[in-house]
Amino acid sequence: MTNIFVGNLSYSTTQDDLHAAFSQYGNVERVNVVTDRDTGQPRGFAFVEMSNADEAQNAMSQLNGAELHGRAINVNEARPKPTGGGGGGRGGFRGPNKGGGRGRW
């Protein structure tokens, strides 16, 4: 399975639009247009999964830079999500008198 990132999408681009564009090059398993969690509006990018790696490579090379709804789309293989935590922790600005000792204020 090859996961393809599609960026610089017009906000009017639908899953059906992407399915039609990519299915010209092979079997499309899934299309996910990413939307904002709060508003539900599209965020301008999507992921397309294709089952055959050769077909996916062909689709990426043919569609990268192609125009869809008036915009030149960016198409490349999606990078896997980084594993592990990322944030959290303690630290950062603590303000006056926060962190031991006598304050000067």
PDB file of N, CA and C in Angstrom:
ATOM      1  N   MET A   1       0.851  -1.178   0.000  1.00  0.00           N
ATOM      2  CA  MET A   1       0.000   0.000   0.000  1.00  0.00           C
ATOM      3  C   MET A   1       0.894   1.238   0.000  1.00  0.00           C
ATOM      4  N   THR A   2       0.629   2.165  -0.891  1.00  0.00           N
ATOM      5  CA  THR A   2       1.385   3.419  -0.960  1.00  0.00           C
ATOM      6  C   THR A   2       0.471   4.567  -0.558  1.00  0.00           C
ATOM      7  N   ASN A   3       0.935   5.356   0.405  1.00  0.00           N
ATOM      8  CA  ASN A   3       0.181   6.507   0.881  1.00  0.00           C
ATOM      9  C   ASN A   3       0.756   7.749   0.213  1.00  0.00           C
ATOM     10  N   ILE A   4      -0.092   8.500  -0.471  1.00  0.00           N
ATOM     11  CA  ILE A   4       0.331   9.644  -1.265  1.00  0.00           C
ATOM     12  C   ILE A   4      -0.219  10.927  -0.652  1.00  0.00           C
ATOM     13  N   PHE A   5       0.664  11.902  -0.495  1.00  0.00           N
ATOM     14  CA  PHE A   5       0.264  13.224  -0.006  1.00  0.00           C
ATOM     15  C   PHE A   5      -0.061  14.101  -1.212  1.00  0.00           C
ATOM     16  N   VAL A   6      -1.188  14.798  -1.145  1.00  0.00           N
ATOM     17  CA  VAL A   6      -1.592  15.726  -2.203  1.00  0.00           C
ATOM     18  C   VAL A   6      -1.808  17.090  -1.549  1.00  0.00           C
ATOM     19  N   GLY A   7      -0.995  18.068  -1.931  1.00  0.00           N
ATOM     20  CA  GLY A   7      -1.068  19.386  -1.318  1.00  0.00           C
ATOM     21  C   GLY A   7      -1.426  20.472  -2.317  1.00  0.00           C
ATOM     22  N   ASN A   8      -1.638  21.662  -1.810  1.00  0.00           N
ATOM     23  CA  ASN A   8      -2.021  22.852  -2.570  1.00  0.00           C
ATOM     24  C   ASN A   8      -3.370  22.666  -3.266  1.00  0.00           C
ATOM     25  N   LEU A   9      -4.275  21.998  -2.582  1.00  0.00           N
ATOM     26  CA  LEU A   9      -5.603  21.764  -3.151  1.00  0.00           C
ATOM     27  C   LEU A   9      -6.500  22.981  -2.980  1.00  0.00           C
ATOM     28  N   SER A  10      -7.355  23.182  -3.952  1.00  0.00           N
ATOM     29  CA  SER A  10      -8.416  24.167  -3.819  1.00  0.00           C
ATOM     30  C   SER A  10      -9.366  23.660  -2.735  1.00  0.00           C
ATOM     31  N   TYR A  11      -9.948  24.562  -1.979  1.00  0.00           N
ATOM     32  CA  TYR A  11     -10.870  24.151  -0.919  1.00  0.00           C
ATOM     33  C   TYR A  11     -12.137  23.511  -1.486  1.00  0.00           C
ATOM     34  N   SER A  12     -12.368  23.658  -2.786  1.00  0.00           N
ATOM     35  CA  SER A  12     -13.551  23.047  -3.398  1.00  0.00           C
ATOM     36  C   SER A  12     -13.289  21.620  -3.891  1.00  0.00           C
ATOM     37  N   THR A  13     -12.057  21.140  -3.780  1.00  0.00           N
ATOM     38  CA  THR A  13     -11.730  19.789  -4.235  1.00  0.00           C
ATOM     39  C   THR A  13     -12.356  18.757  -3.304  1.00  0.00           C
ATOM     40  N   THR A  14     -13.038  17.773  -3.899  1.00  0.00           N
ATOM     41  CA  THR A  14     -13.705  16.727  -3.118  1.00  0.00           C
ATOM     42  C   THR A  14     -12.941  15.407  -3.207  1.00  0.00           C
ATOM     43  N   GLN A  15     -13.356  14.466  -2.373  1.00  0.00           N
ATOM     44  CA  GLN A  15     -12.779  13.127  -2.425  1.00  0.00           C
ATOM     45  C   GLN A  15     -13.054  12.491  -3.789  1.00  0.00           C
ATOM     46  N   ASP A  16     -14.231  12.729  -4.330  1.00  0.00           N
ATOM     47  CA  ASP A  16     -14.562  12.184  -5.651  1.00  0.00           C
ATOM     48  C   ASP A  16     -13.654  12.748  -6.738  1.00  0.00           C
ATOM     49  N   ASP A  17     -13.324  14.035  -6.648  1.00  0.00           N
ATOM     50  CA  ASP A  17     -12.408  14.654  -7.618  1.00  0.00           C
ATOM     51  C   ASP A  17     -11.053  13.956  -7.598  1.00  0.00           C
ATOM     52  N   LEU A  18     -10.538  13.735  -6.395  1.00  0.00           N
ATOM     53  CA  LEU A  18      -9.229  13.093  -6.270  1.00  0.00           C
ATOM     54  C   LEU A  18      -9.283  11.634  -6.691  1.00  0.00           C
ATOM     55  N   HIS A  19     -10.359  10.951  -6.333  1.00  0.00           N
ATOM     56  CA  HIS A  19     -10.508   9.550  -6.732  1.00  0.00           C
ATOM     57  C   HIS A  19     -10.493   9.442  -8.260  1.00  0.00           C
ATOM     58  N   ALA A  20     -11.203  10.331  -8.927  1.00  0.00           N
ATOM     59  CA  ALA A  20     -11.261  10.304 -10.389  1.00  0.00           C
ATOM     60  C   ALA A  20      -9.883  10.576 -10.992  1.00  0.00           C
ATOM     61  N   ALA A  21      -9.156  11.533 -10.448  1.00  0.00           N
ATOM     62  CA  ALA A  21      -7.841  11.880 -10.984  1.00  0.00           C
ATOM     63  C   ALA A  21      -6.846  10.728 -10.817  1.00  0.00           C
ATOM     64  N   PHE A  22      -6.816  10.122  -9.634  1.00  0.00           N
ATOM     65  CA  PHE A  22      -5.831   9.073  -9.365  1.00  0.00           C
ATOM     66  C   PHE A  22      -6.222   7.725  -9.962  1.00  0.00           C
ATOM     67  N   SER A  23      -7.499   7.458 -10.093  1.00  0.00           N
ATOM     68  CA  SER A  23      -7.921   6.150 -10.619  1.00  0.00           C
ATOM     69  C   SER A  23      -7.579   5.992 -12.096  1.00  0.00           C
ATOM     70  N   GLN A  24      -7.217   7.075 -12.770  1.00  0.00           N
ATOM     71  CA  GLN A  24      -6.739   6.969 -14.151  1.00  0.00           C
ATOM     72  C   GLN A  24      -5.435   6.182 -14.217  1.00  0.00           C
ATOM     73  N   TYR A  25      -4.730   6.102 -13.096  1.00  0.00           N
ATOM     74  CA  TYR A  25      -3.416   5.465 -13.066  1.00  0.00           C
ATOM     75  C   TYR A  25      -3.412   4.126 -12.336  1.00  0.00           C
ATOM     76  N   GLY A  26      -4.522   3.741 -11.744  1.00  0.00           N
ATOM     77  CA  GLY A  26      -4.580   2.458 -11.042  1.00  0.00           C
ATOM     78  C   GLY A  26      -5.672   2.428  -9.997  1.00  0.00           C
ATOM     79  N   ASN A  27      -5.630   1.378  -9.193  1.00  0.00           N
ATOM     80  CA  ASN A  27      -6.654   1.141  -8.175  1.00  0.00           C
ATOM     81  C   ASN A  27      -6.441   2.033  -6.957  1.00  0.00           C
ATOM     82  N   VAL A  28      -7.436   2.852  -6.653  1.00  0.00           N
ATOM     83  CA  VAL A  28      -7.398   3.734  -5.484  1.00  0.00           C
ATOM     84  C   VAL A  28      -8.163   3.047  -4.356  1.00  0.00           C
ATOM     85  N   GLU A  29      -7.483   2.827  -3.251  1.00  0.00           N
ATOM     86  CA  GLU A  29      -8.110   2.176  -2.099  1.00  0.00           C
ATOM     87  C   GLU A  29      -8.901   3.161  -1.241  1.00  0.00           C
ATOM     88  N   ARG A  30      -8.328   4.350  -1.039  1.00  0.00           N
ATOM     89  CA  ARG A  30      -8.965   5.303  -0.121  1.00  0.00           C
ATOM     90  C   ARG A  30      -8.497   6.712  -0.424  1.00  0.00           C
ATOM     91  N   VAL A  31      -9.384   7.673  -0.221  1.00  0.00           N
ATOM     92  CA  VAL A  31      -9.059   9.098  -0.346  1.00  0.00           C
ATOM     93  C   VAL A  31      -9.534   9.786   0.933  1.00  0.00           C
ATOM     94  N   ASN A  32      -8.672  10.628   1.503  1.00  0.00           N
ATOM     95  CA  ASN A  32      -9.042  11.357   2.709  1.00  0.00           C
ATOM     96  C   ASN A  32      -8.667  12.822   2.548  1.00  0.00           C
ATOM     97  N   VAL A  33      -9.677  13.676   2.330  1.00  0.00           N
ATOM     98  CA  VAL A  33      -9.446  15.119   2.295  1.00  0.00           C
ATOM     99  C   VAL A  33      -9.455  15.587   3.749  1.00  0.00           C
ATOM    100  N   VAL A  34      -8.353  16.173   4.181  1.00  0.00           N
ATOM    101  CA  VAL A  34      -8.207  16.572   5.577  1.00  0.00           C
ATOM    102  C   VAL A  34      -8.983  17.854   5.831  1.00  0.00           C
ATOM    103  N   THR A  35      -9.768  17.833   6.911  1.00  0.00           N
ATOM    104  CA  THR A  35     -10.590  18.991   7.271  1.00  0.00           C
ATOM    105  C   THR A  35     -10.213  19.502   8.657  1.00  0.00           C
ATOM    106  N   ASP A  36     -10.530  20.747   8.908  1.00  0.00           N
ATOM    107  CA  ASP A  36     -10.279  21.362  10.205  1.00  0.00           C
ATOM    108  C   ASP A  36     -11.195  20.731  11.244  1.00  0.00           C
ATOM    109  N   ARG A  37     -10.642  20.394  12.361  1.00  0.00           N
ATOM    110  CA  ARG A  37     -11.389  19.729  13.429  1.00  0.00           C
ATOM    111  C   ARG A  37     -12.554  20.573  13.947  1.00  0.00           C
ATOM    112  N   ASP A  38     -12.353  21.879  14.048  1.00  0.00           N
ATOM    113  CA  ASP A  38     -13.381  22.752  14.613  1.00  0.00           C
ATOM    114  C   ASP A  38     -14.428  23.197  13.602  1.00  0.00           C
ATOM    115  N   THR A  39     -13.974  23.577  12.400  1.00  0.00           N
ATOM    116  CA  THR A  39     -14.906  24.152  11.427  1.00  0.00           C
ATOM    117  C   THR A  39     -15.420  23.149  10.402  1.00  0.00           C
ATOM    118  N   GLY A  40     -14.687  22.047  10.206  1.00  0.00           N
ATOM    119  CA  GLY A  40     -15.077  21.072   9.194  1.00  0.00           C
ATOM    120  C   GLY A  40     -14.689  21.497   7.782  1.00  0.00           C
ATOM    121  N   GLN A  41     -14.041  22.642   7.643  1.00  0.00           N
ATOM    122  CA  GLN A  41     -13.626  23.132   6.332  1.00  0.00           C
ATOM    123  C   GLN A  41     -12.360  22.401   5.882  1.00  0.00           C
ATOM    124  N   PRO A  42     -12.218  22.178   4.570  1.00  0.00           N
ATOM    125  CA  PRO A  42     -11.005  21.526   4.067  1.00  0.00           C
ATOM    126  C   PRO A  42      -9.768  22.358   4.386  1.00  0.00           C
ATOM    127  N   ARG A  43      -8.643  21.668   4.620  1.00  0.00           N
ATOM    128  CA  ARG A  43      -7.405  22.364   4.975  1.00  0.00           C
ATOM    129  C   ARG A  43      -6.459  22.515   3.789  1.00  0.00           C
ATOM    130  N   GLY A  44      -6.845  22.020   2.606  1.00  0.00           N
ATOM    131  CA  GLY A  44      -6.020  22.225   1.415  1.00  0.00           C
ATOM    132  C   GLY A  44      -5.063  21.100   1.100  1.00  0.00           C
ATOM    133  N   PHE A  45      -5.226  19.965   1.793  1.00  0.00           N
ATOM    134  CA  PHE A  45      -4.412  18.809   1.454  1.00  0.00           C
ATOM    135  C   PHE A  45      -5.192  17.528   1.717  1.00  0.00           C
ATOM    136  N   ALA A  46      -4.667  16.431   1.164  1.00  0.00           N
ATOM    137  CA  ALA A  46      -5.359  15.151   1.268  1.00  0.00           C
ATOM    138  C   ALA A  46      -4.347  14.012   1.192  1.00  0.00           C
ATOM    139  N   PHE A  47      -4.840  12.811   1.472  1.00  0.00           N
ATOM    140  CA  PHE A  47      -4.045  11.599   1.324  1.00  0.00           C
ATOM    141  C   PHE A  47      -4.811  10.629   0.443  1.00  0.00           C
ATOM    142  N   VAL A  48      -4.076   9.986  -0.458  1.00  0.00           N
ATOM    143  CA  VAL A  48      -4.653   8.988  -1.354  1.00  0.00           C
ATOM    144  C   VAL A  48      -3.863   7.703  -1.159  1.00  0.00           C
ATOM    145  N   GLU A  49      -4.557   6.587  -0.963  1.00  0.00           N
ATOM    146  CA  GLU A  49      -3.884   5.294  -0.830  1.00  0.00           C
ATOM    147  C   GLU A  49      -4.127   4.476  -2.080  1.00  0.00           C
ATOM    148  N   MET A  50      -3.033   3.968  -2.653  1.00  0.00           N
ATOM    149  CA  MET A  50      -3.118   3.105  -3.825  1.00  0.00           C
ATOM    150  C   MET A  50      -2.452   1.773  -3.481  1.00  0.00           C
ATOM    151  N   SER A  51      -3.057   0.686  -3.933  1.00  0.00           N
ATOM    152  CA  SER A  51      -2.576  -0.637  -3.539  1.00  0.00           C
ATOM    153  C   SER A  51      -1.337  -1.086  -4.299  1.00  0.00           C
ATOM    154  N   ASN A  52      -1.145  -0.621  -5.522  1.00  0.00           N
ATOM    155  CA  ASN A  52      -0.019  -1.058  -6.331  1.00  0.00           C
ATOM    156  C   ASN A  52       1.048   0.032  -6.350  1.00  0.00           C
ATOM    157  N   ALA A  53       2.269  -0.313  -5.925  1.00  0.00           N
ATOM    158  CA  ALA A  53       3.343   0.679  -5.810  1.00  0.00           C
ATOM    159  C   ALA A  53       3.729   1.278  -7.163  1.00  0.00           C
ATOM    160  N   ASP A  54       3.769   0.470  -8.212  1.00  0.00           N
ATOM    161  CA  ASP A  54       4.136   0.984  -9.535  1.00  0.00           C
ATOM    162  C   ASP A  54       3.090   1.970 -10.049  1.00  0.00           C
ATOM    163  N   GLU A  55       1.819   1.624  -9.847  1.00  0.00           N
ATOM    164  CA  GLU A  55       0.739   2.528 -10.260  1.00  0.00           C
ATOM    165  C   GLU A  55       0.804   3.834  -9.466  1.00  0.00           C
ATOM    166  N   ALA A  56       1.108   3.715  -8.172  1.00  0.00           N
ATOM    167  CA  ALA A  56       1.209   4.898  -7.319  1.00  0.00           C
ATOM    168  C   ALA A  56       2.357   5.800  -7.785  1.00  0.00           C
ATOM    169  N   GLN A  57       3.505   5.204  -8.107  1.00  0.00           N
ATOM    170  CA  GLN A  57       4.645   5.989  -8.588  1.00  0.00           C
ATOM    171  C   GLN A  57       4.296   6.703  -9.887  1.00  0.00           C
ATOM    172  N   ASN A  58       3.611   6.010 -10.784  1.00  0.00           N
ATOM    173  CA  ASN A  58       3.197   6.607 -12.047  1.00  0.00           C
ATOM    174  C   ASN A  58       2.238   7.775 -11.803  1.00  0.00           C
ATOM    175  N   ALA A  59       1.268   7.567 -10.912  1.00  0.00           N
ATOM    176  CA  ALA A  59       0.312   8.628 -10.584  1.00  0.00           C
ATOM    177  C   ALA A  59       1.031   9.847 -10.011  1.00  0.00           C
ATOM    178  N   MET A  60       1.983   9.609  -9.117  1.00  0.00           N
ATOM    179  CA  MET A  60       2.712  10.723  -8.502  1.00  0.00           C
ATOM    180  C   MET A  60       3.490  11.503  -9.553  1.00  0.00           C
ATOM    181  N   SER A  61       4.175  10.798 -10.446  1.00  0.00           N
ATOM    182  CA  SER A  61       4.981  11.510 -11.452  1.00  0.00           C
ATOM    183  C   SER A  61       4.098  12.249 -12.465  1.00  0.00           C
ATOM    184  N   GLN A  62       2.938  11.686 -12.791  1.00  0.00           N
ATOM    185  CA  GLN A  62       2.054  12.331 -13.762  1.00  0.00           C
ATOM    186  C   GLN A  62       1.257  13.488 -13.171  1.00  0.00           C
ATOM    187  N   LEU A  63       0.882  13.375 -11.916  1.00  0.00           N
ATOM    188  CA  LEU A  63      -0.008  14.381 -11.320  1.00  0.00           C
ATOM    189  C   LEU A  63       0.714  15.498 -10.568  1.00  0.00           C
ATOM    190  N   ASN A  64       1.974  15.285 -10.204  1.00  0.00           N
ATOM    191  CA  ASN A  64       2.703  16.344  -9.497  1.00  0.00           C
ATOM    192  C   ASN A  64       2.840  17.554 -10.419  1.00  0.00           C
ATOM    193  N   GLY A  65       2.323  18.688  -9.988  1.00  0.00           N
ATOM    194  CA  GLY A  65       2.354  19.909 -10.786  1.00  0.00           C
ATOM    195  C   GLY A  65       1.156  20.070 -11.718  1.00  0.00           C
ATOM    196  N   ALA A  66       0.323  19.040 -11.795  1.00  0.00           N
ATOM    197  CA  ALA A  66      -0.871  19.127 -12.655  1.00  0.00           C
ATOM    198  C   ALA A  66      -1.871  20.107 -12.049  1.00  0.00           C
ATOM    199  N   GLU A  67      -2.721  20.653 -12.888  1.00  0.00           N
ATOM    200  CA  GLU A  67      -3.710  21.615 -12.423  1.00  0.00           C
ATOM    201  C   GLU A  67      -5.017  20.898 -12.077  1.00  0.00           C
ATOM    202  N   LEU A  68      -5.543  21.226 -10.915  1.00  0.00           N
ATOM    203  CA  LEU A  68      -6.831  20.694 -10.466  1.00  0.00           C
ATOM    204  C   LEU A  68      -7.593  21.846  -9.827  1.00  0.00           C
ATOM    205  N   HIS A  69      -8.736  22.183 -10.372  1.00  0.00           N
ATOM    206  CA  HIS A  69      -9.540  23.319  -9.889  1.00  0.00           C
ATOM    207  C   HIS A  69      -8.731  24.611  -9.865  1.00  0.00           C
ATOM    208  N   GLY A  70      -7.910  24.803 -10.901  1.00  0.00           N
ATOM    209  CA  GLY A  70      -7.176  26.047 -11.034  1.00  0.00           C
ATOM    210  C   GLY A  70      -5.910  26.158 -10.214  1.00  0.00           C
ATOM    211  N   ARG A  71      -5.488  25.074  -9.569  1.00  0.00           N
ATOM    212  CA  ARG A  71      -4.269  25.117  -8.750  1.00  0.00           C
ATOM    213  C   ARG A  71      -3.335  23.992  -9.146  1.00  0.00           C
ATOM    214  N   ALA A  72      -2.053  24.285  -9.166  1.00  0.00           N
ATOM    215  CA  ALA A  72      -1.039  23.264  -9.443  1.00  0.00           C
ATOM    216  C   ALA A  72      -0.829  22.463  -8.164  1.00  0.00           C
ATOM    217  N   ILE A  73      -1.182  21.190  -8.184  1.00  0.00           N
ATOM    218  CA  ILE A  73      -1.108  20.381  -6.967  1.00  0.00           C
ATOM    219  C   ILE A  73       0.289  19.793  -6.772  1.00  0.00           C
ATOM    220  N   ASN A  74       0.636  19.573  -5.515  1.00  0.00           N
ATOM    221  CA  ASN A  74       1.890  18.919  -5.134  1.00  0.00           C
ATOM    222  C   ASN A  74       1.551  17.480  -4.769  1.00  0.00           C
ATOM    223  N   VAL A  75       2.225  16.545  -5.405  1.00  0.00           N
ATOM    224  CA  VAL A  75       1.933  15.133  -5.170  1.00  0.00           C
ATOM    225  C   VAL A  75       3.240  14.406  -4.901  1.00  0.00           C
ATOM    226  N   ASN A  76       3.331  13.755  -3.740  1.00  0.00           N
ATOM    227  CA  ASN A  76       4.503  12.938  -3.435  1.00  0.00           C
ATOM    228  C   ASN A  76       4.152  11.889  -2.382  1.00  0.00           C
ATOM    229  N   GLU A  77       5.069  10.973  -2.172  1.00  0.00           N
ATOM    230  CA  GLU A  77       4.803   9.920  -1.201  1.00  0.00           C
ATOM    231  C   GLU A  77       4.750  10.526   0.198  1.00  0.00           C
ATOM    232  N   ALA A  78       3.728  10.137   0.938  1.00  0.00           N
ATOM    233  CA  ALA A  78       3.554  10.669   2.292  1.00  0.00           C
ATOM    234  C   ALA A  78       4.629  10.104   3.203  1.00  0.00           C
ATOM    235  N   ARG A  79       5.146  10.949   4.066  1.00  0.00           N
ATOM    236  CA  ARG A  79       6.109  10.496   5.070  1.00  0.00           C
ATOM    237  C   ARG A  79       5.326   9.933   6.238  1.00  0.00           C
ATOM    238  N   PRO A  80       5.835   8.874   6.830  1.00  0.00           N
ATOM    239  CA  PRO A  80       5.123   8.318   7.994  1.00  0.00           C
ATOM    240  C   PRO A  80       5.100   9.304   9.152  1.00  0.00           C
ATOM    241  N   LYS A  81       4.041   9.213   9.939  1.00  0.00           N
ATOM    242  CA  LYS A  81       3.930  10.056  11.126  1.00  0.00           C
ATOM    243  C   LYS A  81       5.059   9.726  12.078  1.00  0.00           C
ATOM    244  N   PRO A  82       5.680  10.738  12.674  1.00  0.00           N
ATOM    245  CA  PRO A  82       6.726  10.429  13.651  1.00  0.00           C
ATOM    246  C   PRO A  82       6.114   9.736  14.866  1.00  0.00           C
ATOM    247  N   THR A  83       6.852   8.801  15.412  1.00  0.00           N
ATOM    248  CA  THR A  83       6.352   8.091  16.586  1.00  0.00           C
ATOM    249  C   THR A  83       6.865   8.774  17.843  1.00  0.00           C
ATOM    250  N   GLY A  84       6.233   8.495  18.928  1.00  0.00           N
ATOM    251  CA  GLY A  84       6.682   9.047  20.193  1.00  0.00           C
ATOM    252  C   GLY A  84       5.979  10.349  20.522  1.00  0.00           C
ATOM    253  N   GLY A  85       6.280  10.850  21.665  1.00  0.00           N
ATOM    254  CA  GLY A  85       5.635  12.057  22.131  1.00  0.00           C
ATOM    255  C   GLY A  85       6.219  13.269  21.478  1.00  0.00           C
ATOM    256  N   GLY A  86       5.983  14.306  21.687  1.00  0.00           N
ATOM    257  CA  GLY A  86       6.515  15.507  21.158  1.00  0.00           C
ATOM    258  C   GLY A  86       6.347  16.627  22.116  1.00  0.00           C
ATOM    259  N   GLY A  87       5.645  16.942  22.780  1.00  0.00           N
ATOM    260  CA  GLY A  87       5.384  18.073  23.609  1.00  0.00           C
ATOM    261  C   GLY A  87       5.392  17.717  25.028  1.00  0.00           C
ATOM    262  N   GLY A  88       4.628  18.385  25.726  1.00  0.00           N
ATOM    263  CA  GLY A  88       4.570  18.121  27.148  1.00  0.00           C
ATOM    264  C   GLY A  88       5.798  18.668  27.844  1.00  0.00           C
ATOM    265  N   GLY A  89       6.106  18.082  28.931  1.00  0.00           N
ATOM    266  CA  GLY A  89       7.277  18.518  29.664  1.00  0.00           C
ATOM    267  C   GLY A  89       6.967  19.709  30.531  1.00  0.00           C
ATOM    268  N   ARG A  90       7.973  20.110  31.258  1.00  0.00           N
ATOM    269  CA  ARG A  90       7.814  21.264  32.133  1.00  0.00           C
ATOM    270  C   ARG A  90       8.841  22.268  31.713  1.00  0.00           C
ATOM    271  N   GLY A  91       8.816  23.391  32.097  1.00  0.00           N
ATOM    272  CA  GLY A  91       9.831  24.355  31.683  1.00  0.00           C
ATOM    273  C   GLY A  91       9.160  25.545  31.043  1.00  0.00           C
ATOM    274  N   GLY A  92       9.940  26.290  30.329  1.00  0.00           N
ATOM    275  CA  GLY A  92       9.398  27.485  29.739  1.00  0.00           C
ATOM    276  C   GLY A  92       9.443  28.629  30.740  1.00  0.00           C
ATOM    277  N   PHE A  93       8.804  29.714  30.434  1.00  0.00           N
ATOM    278  CA  PHE A  93       8.818  30.896  31.285  1.00  0.00           C
ATOM    279  C   PHE A  93       8.067  30.639  32.576  1.00  0.00           C
ATOM    280  N   ARG A  94       8.683  30.970  33.668  1.00  0.00           N
ATOM    281  CA  ARG A  94       8.058  30.713  34.954  1.00  0.00           C
ATOM    282  C   ARG A  94       7.682  31.987  35.692  1.00  0.00           C
ATOM    283  N   GLY A  95       8.102  33.110  35.174  1.00  0.00           N
ATOM    284  CA  GLY A  95       7.723  34.363  35.822  1.00  0.00           C
ATOM    285  C   GLY A  95       8.535  34.644  37.075  1.00  0.00           C
ATOM    286  N   PRO A  96       8.348  35.815  37.668  1.00  0.00           N
ATOM    287  CA  PRO A  96       9.103  36.165  38.879  1.00  0.00           C
ATOM    288  C   PRO A  96       8.644  35.307  40.066  1.00  0.00           C
ATOM    289  N   ASN A  97       9.576  34.996  40.939  1.00  0.00           N
ATOM    290  CA  ASN A  97       9.301  34.235  42.163  1.00  0.00           C
ATOM    291  C   ASN A  97       8.770  32.839  41.891  1.00  0.00           C
ATOM    292  N   LYS A  98       9.055  32.276  40.743  1.00  0.00           N
ATOM    293  CA  LYS A  98       8.570  30.926  40.465  1.00  0.00           C
ATOM    294  C   LYS A  98       9.790  30.049  40.212  1.00  0.00           C
ATOM    295  N   GLY A  99      10.247  29.413  41.150  1.00  0.00           N
ATOM    296  CA  GLY A  99      11.357  28.534  40.895  1.00  0.00           C
ATOM    297  C   GLY A  99      12.400  28.583  41.993  1.00  0.00           C
ATOM    298  N   GLY A 100      12.022  28.880  43.166  1.00  0.00           N
ATOM    299  CA  GLY A 100      12.972  28.790  44.277  1.00  0.00           C
ATOM    300  C   GLY A 100      13.655  30.108  44.577  1.00  0.00           C
ATOM    301  N   GLY A 101      14.174  30.181  45.748  1.00  0.00           N
ATOM    302  CA  GLY A 101      14.894  31.361  46.172  1.00  0.00           C
ATOM    303  C   GLY A 101      13.959  32.513  46.485  1.00  0.00           C
ATOM    304  N   ARG A 102      14.572  33.580  46.925  1.00  0.00           N
ATOM    305  CA  ARG A 102      13.768  34.751  47.253  1.00  0.00           C
ATOM    306  C   ARG A 102      13.647  35.622  46.010  1.00  0.00           C
ATOM    307  N   GLY A 103      12.483  36.098  45.773  1.00  0.00           N
ATOM    308  CA  GLY A 103      12.265  36.957  44.612  1.00  0.00           C
ATOM    309  C   GLY A 103      12.776  38.367  44.879  1.00  0.00           C
ATOM    310  N   ARG A 104      12.981  39.082  43.839  1.00  0.00           N
ATOM    311  CA  ARG A 104      13.449  40.453  43.954  1.00  0.00           C
ATOM    312  C   ARG A 104      12.302  41.433  43.816  1.00  0.00           C
ATOM    313  N   TRP A 105      11.102  40.985  43.749  1.00  0.00           N
ATOM    314  CA  TRP A 105       9.973  41.898  43.472  1.00  0.00           C
ATOM    315  C   TRP A 105       9.347  42.293  44.719  1.00  0.00           C
TER     316      TRP A 105
END
